[in-house]
Amino acid sequence: MGVVELTEENIEQFADYLTEDIAENIGRTFYSGLIISDDQNVPKAGIVWEYKNMLNDSDKESKIVWLKADDEQSFMDLFEAYGKAIKLEGIVKSNFVLPAKTSKDLKMMLKEKGFTVDLMEGDKITARLSEMAKISAFNRITISEAIMPLRSATQRAFSTAISKTLVQGHYGTCEDLAYLPRLYFENDVSCYAEIDGQITGLLLLHKTPSGKLELVLMFASGKESVRLLPQMIKQSLESAYECYEPETEIIIDRHDYASLALGEKLLPSGFGIPVYTGSREET
């Protein structure tokens, strides 16, 4: 068995094994991955994780976002290599969230490696663009001139807005928001709010390689925030409907209060897929 560290240089070789949406993350700041391969360089197990709390004073953690193993020995070899990798970064806790449908065989192996394992509803909910376009609540919302597509912002204004957002502690779903290039986001669908020449709100969406739209960041500050957020949401949905097929899926990760409230308001009957989630302390 051989251990391969995933990099931008070799990811194409393993993209089919990981799936294209997971493979896209290799090369991003705070993302790492390993593959266990046999003597013929055929993948037998793999793991991709994201480092958390790397930019603040909190304990450093790892969040496993993808995991696969063909057999128990490959799994054991994989976690031996994973343990060595995270030790170098000073990680004190490992967490995971994995789809229950494809992770049943991993449940017992994770427990044997010291993880707690619970079955619960996932934070991510998905809806088709056509479903969201029919939400009646948007009929009462008028989009003001303060709301503009992201393509209209200068690079300097965008960078300044991201910096201010981070200073206020808002990262959206991306720990590496400060390092993501502007083109990571859909500039025709994402939008911002500008008051008195300053960007006071951002709604950023990313298109995955599989064609889904993910809500990455939804944030507005100042006394106008309550009024501007619904307008930005409507602006992005209308723009997306012009650019994408009605069957395009939009993913909302209910990672904080704002996204949770959005999910309950727009998709009150929406449920996340069943997931296995758990953690273990690292020594």
Foldseek 3Di string as FASTA:
>chain_A
DDKDKDAPVCLVVCCVVQPQQQSVCHHAPQKIKMFDADPVRHTAKMWIWGWPPPPHDDAIEIETEDIDGNDLVRVVVRVVVVLVVVVVVRHFKYKYKFFCVPCVVVVVSVVVVPKDKDKDFAQKWKDFLLLLVPPPVLVPADADPQKDFQVPDDPVLVLVVQVVCVVVPFFFQDPRSNPDDPVQWDRQQWIFGDDPRHTFWTWTWGQGPVGAIETRDTGGDDPCNVNNRSSRVSSNSVSCVVVDDRRHMYMQRPPDDVSVVVCCNSPVPITGGIIMIIMHTRD
